[in-house]
Each structure stands twice: as C-alpha cells, then as structure tokens.
C-alpha atoms as a PDB file:
ATOM      1  CA  MET A   1      10.889  28.620 -16.070  1.00  0.00           C
ATOM      2  CA  PRO A   2       9.919  24.929 -16.413  1.00  0.00           C
ATOM      3  CA  LYS A   3       6.338  23.761 -16.109  1.00  0.00           C
ATOM      4  CA  THR A   4       5.560  21.130 -13.505  1.00  0.00           C
ATOM      5  CA  CYS A   5       2.852  18.502 -13.667  1.00  0.00           C
ATOM      6  CA  SER A   6       2.108  15.480 -11.519  1.00  0.00           C
ATOM      7  CA  ILE A   7       1.106  11.933 -12.386  1.00  0.00           C
ATOM      8  CA  LYS A   8      -0.924  10.171  -9.725  1.00  0.00           C
ATOM      9  CA  PHE A   9      -0.999   6.550  -8.703  1.00  0.00           C
ATOM     10  CA  VAL A  10      -4.365   4.777  -8.903  1.00  0.00           C
ATOM     11  CA  GLY A  11      -5.453   2.270  -6.260  1.00  0.00           C
ATOM     12  CA  LEU A  12      -3.308   3.469  -3.352  1.00  0.00           C
ATOM     13  CA  ARG A  13      -6.204   4.296  -1.046  1.00  0.00           C
ATOM     14  CA  ARG A  14      -8.261   1.401   0.313  1.00  0.00           C
ATOM     15  CA  ARG A  15     -11.535   1.656   2.150  1.00  0.00           C
ATOM     16  CA  SER A  16     -11.232  -1.746   3.782  1.00  0.00           C
ATOM     17  CA  VAL A  17      -8.837  -4.634   4.258  1.00  0.00           C
ATOM     18  CA  TYR A  18     -10.835  -6.727   1.788  1.00  0.00           C
ATOM     19  CA  GLU A  19     -10.273  -4.420  -1.184  1.00  0.00           C
ATOM     20  CA  CYS A  20      -7.325  -5.555  -3.220  1.00  0.00           C
ATOM     21  CA  HIS A  21      -7.147  -3.396  -6.326  1.00  0.00           C
ATOM     22  CA  PRO A  22      -3.783  -3.261  -8.071  1.00  0.00           C
ATOM     23  CA  VAL A  23      -1.697  -0.115  -7.687  1.00  0.00           C
ATOM     24  CA  LEU A  24      -1.076   1.436 -11.102  1.00  0.00           C
ATOM     25  CA  ILE A  25       0.002   4.743 -12.558  1.00  0.00           C
ATOM     26  CA  SER A  26      -2.639   6.984 -14.086  1.00  0.00           C
ATOM     27  CA  ARG A  27      -2.707   6.576 -17.874  1.00  0.00           C
ATOM     28  CA  ASP A  28      -3.650  10.221 -18.453  1.00  0.00           C
ATOM     29  CA  GLN A  29      -0.738  11.807 -20.281  1.00  0.00           C
ATOM     30  CA  PRO A  30      -0.308  15.454 -19.262  1.00  0.00           C
ATOM     31  CA  PRO A  31      -0.587  17.788 -22.283  1.00  0.00           C
ATOM     32  CA  ALA A  32       2.793  19.387 -21.538  1.00  0.00           C
ATOM     33  CA  VAL A  33       4.436  15.948 -21.662  1.00  0.00           C
ATOM     34  CA  ALA A  34       2.571  14.990 -24.852  1.00  0.00           C
ATOM     35  CA  ASN A  35       4.470  17.698 -26.730  1.00  0.00           C
ATOM     36  CA  HIS A  36       7.776  15.885 -26.101  1.00  0.00           C
ATOM     37  CA  MET A  37       6.808  12.219 -25.681  1.00  0.00           C
ATOM     38  CA  SER A  38       4.814  10.077 -28.122  1.00  0.00           C
ATOM     39  CA  SER A  39       1.840   8.045 -26.920  1.00  0.00           C
ATOM     40  CA  SER A  40       3.745   4.775 -27.449  1.00  0.00           C
ATOM     41  CA  GLU A  41       6.661   6.078 -25.365  1.00  0.00           C
ATOM     42  CA  TRP A  42       4.182   7.176 -22.689  1.00  0.00           C
ATOM     43  CA  THR A  43       2.547   3.730 -22.705  1.00  0.00           C
ATOM     44  CA  SER A  44       5.973   2.104 -22.367  1.00  0.00           C
ATOM     45  CA  PHE A  45       6.826   4.387 -19.418  1.00  0.00           C
ATOM     46  CA  CYS A  46       3.504   3.557 -17.719  1.00  0.00           C
ATOM     47  CA  GLY A  47       4.101  -0.162 -18.283  1.00  0.00           C
ATOM     48  CA  LYS A  48       7.508   0.038 -16.597  1.00  0.00           C
ATOM     49  CA  ILE A  49       6.024   1.911 -13.632  1.00  0.00           C
ATOM     50  CA  ASP A  50       3.156  -0.601 -13.337  1.00  0.00           C
ATOM     51  CA  ALA A  51       5.639  -3.498 -13.351  1.00  0.00           C
ATOM     52  CA  ALA A  52       7.643  -1.807 -10.588  1.00  0.00           C
ATOM     53  CA  LEU A  53       4.449  -1.308  -8.533  1.00  0.00           C
ATOM     54  CA  MET A  54       3.361  -4.967  -8.819  1.00  0.00           C
ATOM     55  CA  PRO A  55       4.980  -6.076  -5.509  1.00  0.00           C
ATOM     56  CA  ILE A  56       2.757  -3.630  -3.622  1.00  0.00           C
ATOM     57  CA  SER A  57      -0.343  -5.417  -4.905  1.00  0.00           C
ATOM     58  CA  ARG A  58       1.181  -8.735  -3.838  1.00  0.00           C
ATOM     59  CA  VAL A  59       1.821  -7.433  -0.302  1.00  0.00           C
ATOM     60  CA  ARG A  60      -1.755  -6.170  -0.125  1.00  0.00           C
ATOM     61  CA  ARG A  61      -3.096  -9.607  -1.034  1.00  0.00           C
ATOM     62  CA  MET A  62      -0.881 -11.242   1.595  1.00  0.00           C
ATOM     63  CA  SER A  63      -2.014  -8.733   4.202  1.00  0.00           C
ATOM     64  CA  ARG A  64      -5.660  -9.323   3.329  1.00  0.00           C
ATOM     65  CA  ASN A  65      -5.270 -13.107   3.512  1.00  0.00           C
ATOM     66  CA  ILE A  66      -3.484 -13.031   6.868  1.00  0.00           C
ATOM     67  CA  ALA A  67      -6.007 -10.574   8.317  1.00  0.00           C
ATOM     68  CA  GLY A  68      -8.767 -12.976   7.215  1.00  0.00           C
ATOM     69  CA  ALA A  69      -6.920 -15.907   8.778  1.00  0.00           C
ATOM     70  CA  ILE A  70      -6.571 -14.039  12.065  1.00  0.00           C
ATOM     71  CA  MET A  71     -10.240 -13.075  12.068  1.00  0.00           C
ATOM     72  CA  GLY A  72     -11.091 -16.707  11.397  1.00  0.00           C
ATOM     73  CA  ALA A  73      -8.619 -18.083  13.956  1.00  0.00           C
ATOM     74  CA  TYR A  74     -10.001 -16.230  16.958  1.00  0.00           C
ATOM     75  CA  PRO A  75     -13.587 -17.551  16.671  1.00  0.00           C
ATOM     76  CA  LEU A  76     -12.257 -21.024  15.816  1.00  0.00           C
ATOM     77  CA  VAL A  77     -10.174 -21.082  18.994  1.00  0.00           C
ATOM     78  CA  LEU A  78     -13.102 -19.864  21.084  1.00  0.00           C
ATOM     79  CA  VAL A  79     -15.455 -22.468  19.602  1.00  0.00           C
ATOM     80  CA  LEU A  80     -12.865 -25.216  20.106  1.00  0.00           C
ATOM     81  CA  ARG A  81     -12.394 -24.279  23.751  1.00  0.00           C
ATOM     82  CA  LEU A  82     -16.158 -24.084  24.307  1.00  0.00           C
ATOM     83  CA  VAL A  83     -16.728 -27.504  22.694  1.00  0.00           C
ATOM     84  CA  MET A  84     -14.010 -29.079  24.813  1.00  0.00           C
ATOM     85  CA  TYR A  85     -15.452 -27.497  27.944  1.00  0.00           C
ATOM     86  CA  LEU A  86     -19.003 -28.675  27.148  1.00  0.00           C
ATOM     87  CA  ALA A  87     -17.792 -32.153  26.196  1.00  0.00           C
ATOM     88  CA  GLY A  88     -16.386 -32.514  29.687  1.00  0.00           C
ATOM     89  CA  GLY A  89     -12.807 -32.900  28.637  1.00  0.00           C
ATOM     90  CA  GLY A  90     -10.419 -33.416  31.501  1.00  0.00           C
ATOM     91  CA  LEU A  91      -7.547 -31.236  32.594  1.00  0.00           C
ATOM     92  CA  ASP A  92      -5.184 -32.783  30.047  1.00  0.00           C
ATOM     93  CA  VAL A  93      -7.549 -31.956  27.168  1.00  0.00           C
ATOM     94  CA  ALA A  94      -7.941 -28.389  28.446  1.00  0.00           C
ATOM     95  CA  ARG A  95      -4.162 -27.987  28.538  1.00  0.00           C
ATOM     96  CA  ILE A  96      -3.766 -29.342  25.012  1.00  0.00           C
ATOM     97  CA  VAL A  97      -6.518 -27.045  23.704  1.00  0.00           C
ATOM     98  CA  GLY A  98      -4.901 -24.107  25.513  1.00  0.00           C
ATOM     99  CA  ILE A  99      -1.508 -24.860  23.992  1.00  0.00           C
ATOM    100  CA  VAL A 100      -2.982 -25.289  20.510  1.00  0.00           C
ATOM    101  CA  SER A 101      -4.977 -22.049  20.927  1.00  0.00           C
ATOM    102  CA  PHE A 102      -1.885 -20.157  22.000  1.00  0.00           C
ATOM    103  CA  ALA A 103       0.117 -21.612  19.097  1.00  0.00           C
ATOM    104  CA  VAL A 104      -2.551 -20.766  16.493  1.00  0.00           C
ATOM    105  CA  LEU A 105      -3.021 -17.202  17.719  1.00  0.00           C
ATOM    106  CA  GLY A 106       0.734 -16.687  18.133  1.00  0.00           C
ATOM    107  CA  LEU A 107       1.404 -17.952  14.618  1.00  0.00           C
ATOM    108  CA  ALA A 108      -1.295 -15.726  13.144  1.00  0.00           C
ATOM    109  CA  THR A 109      -0.038 -12.659  14.988  1.00  0.00           C
ATOM    110  CA  SER A 110       3.604 -13.300  14.113  1.00  0.00           C
ATOM    111  CA  SER A 111       2.570 -13.763  10.473  1.00  0.00           C
ATOM    112  CA  LEU A 112       0.916 -10.364  10.542  1.00  0.00           C
ATOM    113  CA  VAL A 113       4.075  -8.784  11.975  1.00  0.00           C
ATOM    114  CA  GLY A 114       6.143 -10.596   9.344  1.00  0.00           C
ATOM    115  CA  VAL A 115       3.965  -9.236   6.549  1.00  0.00           C
ATOM    116  CA  GLN A 116       4.376  -5.707   7.928  1.00  0.00           C
ATOM    117  CA  VAL A 117       8.179  -6.096   7.924  1.00  0.00           C
ATOM    118  CA  TYR A 118       8.038  -7.555   4.406  1.00  0.00           C
ATOM    119  CA  ALA A 119       5.808  -4.642   3.322  1.00  0.00           C
ATOM    120  CA  LYS A 120       8.362  -2.113   4.566  1.00  0.00           C
ATOM    121  CA  ILE A 121      11.215  -3.876   2.761  1.00  0.00           C
ATOM    122  CA  THR A 122       9.115  -4.185  -0.413  1.00  0.00           C
ATOM    123  CA  SER A 123       8.024  -0.542  -0.374  1.00  0.00           C
ATOM    124  CA  THR A 124      11.655   0.557  -0.082  1.00  0.00           C
ATOM    125  CA  ALA A 125      12.627  -1.634  -3.051  1.00  0.00           C
ATOM    126  CA  VAL A 126       9.645  -0.375  -5.090  1.00  0.00           C
ATOM    127  CA  LEU A 127      10.558   3.235  -4.350  1.00  0.00           C
ATOM    128  CA  GLN A 128      14.131   2.601  -5.531  1.00  0.00           C
ATOM    129  CA  SER A 129      12.812   0.954  -8.712  1.00  0.00           C
ATOM    130  CA  LEU A 130      10.524   3.906  -9.399  1.00  0.00           C
ATOM    131  CA  GLU A 131      13.390   6.344  -8.907  1.00  0.00           C
ATOM    132  CA  THR A 132      15.578   4.330 -11.298  1.00  0.00           C
ATOM    133  CA  ILE A 133      12.849   4.275 -13.967  1.00  0.00           C
ATOM    134  CA  CYS A 134      12.304   8.026 -13.598  1.00  0.00           C
ATOM    135  CA  GLU A 135      16.049   8.671 -13.799  1.00  0.00           C
ATOM    136  CA  ASP A 136      16.424   6.511 -16.933  1.00  0.00           C
ATOM    137  CA  THR A 137      13.434   8.177 -18.585  1.00  0.00           C
ATOM    138  CA  SER A 138      14.826  11.628 -17.766  1.00  0.00           C
ATOM    139  CA  LYS A 139      18.109  10.636 -19.459  1.00  0.00           C
ATOM    140  CA  GLN A 140      16.191   9.808 -22.649  1.00  0.00           C
ATOM    141  CA  TYR A 141      14.867  13.384 -22.774  1.00  0.00           C
ATOM    142  CA  PRO A 142      17.780  15.552 -21.586  1.00  0.00           C
ATOM    143  CA  GLN A 143      16.931  19.188 -20.992  1.00  0.00           C
ATOM    144  CA  LEU A 144      13.295  18.557 -22.012  1.00  0.00           C
ATOM    145  CA  LEU A 145      11.680  16.299 -19.400  1.00  0.00           C
ATOM    146  CA  SER A 146      12.711  15.473 -15.867  1.00  0.00           C
ATOM    147  CA  PHE A 147      10.844  12.738 -13.939  1.00  0.00           C
ATOM    148  CA  HIS A 148      10.993  12.520 -10.119  1.00  0.00           C
ATOM    149  CA  VAL A 149       9.210  10.429  -7.482  1.00  0.00           C
ATOM    150  CA  ARG A 150       7.777  12.746  -4.832  1.00  0.00           C
ATOM    151  CA  HIS A 151       5.939  12.223  -1.609  1.00  0.00           C
ATOM    152  CA  VAL A 152       4.239  14.670   0.668  1.00  0.00           C
ATOM    153  CA  HIS A 153       3.192  14.017   4.247  1.00  0.00           C
ATOM    154  CA  ILE A 154      -0.033  15.742   5.166  1.00  0.00           C
ATOM    155  CA  LEU A 155      -0.899  16.141   8.825  1.00  0.00           C
ATOM    156  CA  SER A 156      -4.562  16.455   9.671  1.00  0.00           C
ATOM    157  CA  PHE A 157      -6.255  16.973  12.984  1.00  0.00           C
ATOM    158  CA  CYS A 158      -9.192  14.763  13.878  1.00  0.00           C
ATOM    159  CA  GLY A 159     -11.489  16.332  16.455  1.00  0.00           C
ATOM    160  CA  CYS A 160     -13.237  14.504  19.252  1.00  0.00           C
ATOM    161  CA  ILE A 161     -16.806  13.380  18.763  1.00  0.00           C
ATOM    162  CA  CYS A 162     -18.184  12.305  22.101  1.00  0.00           C
ATOM    163  CA  ASN A 163     -21.667  11.020  22.753  1.00  0.00           C
ATOM    164  CA  ARG A 164     -23.115   7.882  24.283  1.00  0.00           C
ATOM    165  CA  SER A 165     -23.238   5.781  21.144  1.00  0.00           C
ATOM    166  CA  HIS A 166     -20.053   6.864  19.373  1.00  0.00           C
ATOM    167  CA  ARG A 167     -16.697   7.985  20.651  1.00  0.00           C
ATOM    168  CA  LYS A 168     -13.884   8.955  18.349  1.00  0.00           C
ATOM    169  CA  LEU A 169     -10.464   9.854  19.643  1.00  0.00           C
ATOM    170  CA  SER A 170      -8.848  13.069  18.563  1.00  0.00           C
ATOM    171  CA  GLY A 171      -5.303  13.579  17.430  1.00  0.00           C
ATOM    172  CA  LEU A 172      -2.968  14.171  14.546  1.00  0.00           C
ATOM    173  CA  HIS A 173      -2.991  11.763  11.642  1.00  0.00           C
ATOM    174  CA  SER A 174      -0.367  11.590   8.905  1.00  0.00           C
ATOM    175  CA  VAL A 175      -1.106  10.629   5.309  1.00  0.00           C
ATOM    176  CA  ALA A 176       1.675  10.134   2.752  1.00  0.00           C
ATOM    177  CA  LEU A 177       0.779  11.027  -0.819  1.00  0.00           C
ATOM    178  CA  ARG A 178       3.091   9.701  -3.512  1.00  0.00           C
ATOM    179  CA  TYR A 179       3.176  10.832  -7.112  1.00  0.00           C
ATOM    180  CA  ILE A 180       5.543  11.318 -10.023  1.00  0.00           C
ATOM    181  CA  GLU A 181       6.480  14.897 -10.778  1.00  0.00           C
ATOM    182  CA  VAL A 182       7.423  15.836 -14.318  1.00  0.00           C
ATOM    183  CA  LYS A 183       9.281  19.041 -15.014  1.00  0.00           C
ATOM    184  CA  VAL A 184       8.858  20.161 -18.595  1.00  0.00           C
ATOM    185  CA  ALA A 185      11.384  22.635 -19.951  1.00  0.00           C
ATOM    186  CA  ASP A 186      10.170  25.685 -21.805  1.00  0.00           C
ATOM    187  CA  VAL A 187      11.221  25.286 -25.411  1.00  0.00           C
ATOM    188  CA  GLU A 188      11.207  28.521 -27.315  1.00  0.00           C
ATOM    189  CA  ALA A 189       9.989  28.357 -30.868  1.00  0.00           C
ATOM    190  CA  PRO A 190      12.549  29.591 -33.465  1.00  0.00           C
END
C-alpha cells in the first residue's frame, strides 16, 4: 500500500488586505520522497511550482492597490464635496463635483470587480499549471512517486456573539485548503 504525504503552500492565508507575501511551496522535503528524489531534483520541482504560483502574488498586489485606492477615493470625494459646498459653489459646480464623484467611485468599484474576475481566471490557469507540473514530475518517477494537486473544502459554523458593543453574525463559512499530495510506492528491498 503506498504512503501518502502532503506538501503545503506557504503564504496562502492573509490576515489583512495589506499583507502581500508571495505564495510559495514549502521547501521541507518529506522523508518518504527523499528516498526517491535527490535534493537538487526537489529544489527544481519547488522552483517550478513557485514559478507557477507567481501570478497569484501579482493578483494579490493588484487587489491590495485597488482596495487602497478605493479607501482613498471615498474620503477624497467627501472632502471635495464638502470644500465645494463651503466655498459656495453654485449649482453647476455641485453638478460637476457630483458627476466627478460618481465617476471616481464607479471606476474604483468596477476596477475591484475586474480584479476579482481576473483573479478567478488567473487561479484557474495556475491550477492547470500546477497539475501539469505534477503530472510531468510523476512521469519522471513512474511507479515510485505520484504528485497530485488536491483541495479540500472545510465548512465551519460561526456562532452568534450578541452584546451591545459587538455583534457577529452566525452562519456557515467555507475555507478551501490546497496542497500537493505525493503518493510514494512501497519498494520492497531485495
């Protein structure tokens, strides 16, 4: 019966929008894999995986920059409208400021939606690249090692915390965990 071990990705979980650590594969070579794959081959495999994961880091940076632009655009629009109001601008100025405000906020929001669509397309392409790398690596070690991209969806229930100062909604939350599974064949000693 083959042994199974998993290789985790580092940097997938973020605590805030402002964190932008690259997503990489863990460099820890499982002992069962070390019996069949040299350290230089392992390093080469990790390098290929890291290169395939690079677009995810790029999307994260774009998302962070657009989120910052949106957070900066809202106060800017409010300040601009307040200044125009206090300066006694006429109806024409108020209309122009309103149109500019709507355009700025609409552009920022549509950019955020665009990044989300781009992120979905990119993640699909990255997943296909990872599967191709795993398939090619498995072909190099026939009947010894088998590499597969796996993902597990974990559902968790978040209970309701209700008091005057803090209210948290309850409900089911889904978290997708991705990793690379390696199946190592049992090789009997002669």
